[in-house]
Amino acid sequence: MMDNATFYKKQSIQQVIIDAGHMVEYLPTYSPDLNPIEHKWAQAKCKKRALGSDTDILFALNMI
């Protein structure tokens, strides 16, 4: 199982995998909207910029 990096899709790479007896399957295209943690990281980054601090401090202050 591989992500959608372009070098994985080269025919030569796919052929090596198939010749080794494996099947080629790709993960779906990445979508941050389908991953709820991405929304929390966006909030953390916004607070980090607003306070001018680093993420470790935000976690220590329980501001995330």
Protein backbone atom coordinates (compact mmCIF):
# COMPACT_ATOMS: atom_id res chain seq x y z
CA MET A 1 0.00 0.00 0.00
CA MET A 2 1.48 3.31 -1.08
CA ASP A 3 0.57 6.96 -1.05
CA ASN A 4 0.12 8.88 -4.29
CA ALA A 5 3.71 10.09 -4.70
CA THR A 6 4.45 10.33 -8.42
CA PHE A 7 7.57 8.15 -8.28
CA TYR A 8 5.49 5.22 -6.99
CA LYS A 9 3.37 5.36 -10.11
CA LYS A 10 6.24 4.76 -12.51
CA GLN A 11 5.75 1.58 -14.48
CA SER A 12 9.21 0.30 -13.51
CA ILE A 13 8.43 0.57 -9.77
CA GLN A 14 5.05 -1.09 -10.21
CA GLN A 15 6.64 -3.92 -12.22
CA VAL A 16 9.26 -4.63 -9.54
CA ILE A 17 6.50 -4.90 -6.95
CA ILE A 18 4.37 -7.19 -9.15
CA ASP A 19 7.38 -9.34 -10.06
CA ALA A 20 8.05 -9.83 -6.34
CA GLY A 21 4.55 -11.30 -6.01
CA HIS A 22 2.85 -8.32 -4.44
CA MET A 23 -0.19 -6.32 -5.37
CA VAL A 24 -0.07 -2.54 -5.95
CA GLU A 25 -2.71 -0.52 -4.10
CA TYR A 26 -2.76 3.23 -3.54
CA LEU A 27 -4.15 5.16 -0.63
CA PRO A 28 -6.95 7.62 -1.42
CA THR A 29 -5.96 11.21 -2.14
CA TYR A 30 -5.23 13.11 1.07
CA SER A 31 -8.10 15.25 2.29
CA PRO A 32 -7.58 17.26 5.49
CA ASP A 33 -11.36 17.77 5.71
CA LEU A 34 -11.75 14.05 6.42
CA ASN A 35 -9.22 14.08 9.26
CA PRO A 36 -10.63 15.90 12.34
CA ILE A 37 -7.20 16.39 13.95
CA GLU A 38 -6.27 18.74 11.11
CA HIS A 39 -8.86 21.23 12.36
CA LYS A 40 -7.34 21.19 15.87
CA TRP A 41 -3.85 21.73 14.45
CA ALA A 42 -5.18 24.69 12.48
CA GLN A 43 -6.53 26.18 15.72
CA ALA A 44 -3.22 25.54 17.49
CA LYS A 45 -1.25 27.22 14.70
CA CYS A 46 -3.56 30.23 14.82
CA LYS A 47 -3.09 30.60 18.60
CA LYS A 48 0.65 30.06 18.22
CA ARG A 49 0.86 32.95 15.74
CA ALA A 50 -1.38 35.20 17.84
CA LEU A 51 0.64 34.64 21.02
CA GLY A 52 4.02 34.47 19.33
CA SER A 53 4.90 31.30 21.25
CA ASP A 54 5.76 27.75 20.38
CA THR A 55 3.49 24.72 20.44
CA ASP A 56 5.12 23.24 23.57
CA ILE A 57 4.09 26.32 25.56
CA LEU A 58 0.53 26.12 24.24
CA PHE A 59 0.30 22.49 25.35
CA ALA A 60 1.84 23.31 28.76
CA LEU A 61 -0.72 26.08 29.28
CA ASN A 62 -3.49 23.75 28.07
CA MET A 63 -4.55 26.34 25.50
CA ILE A 64 -5.16 23.87 22.71
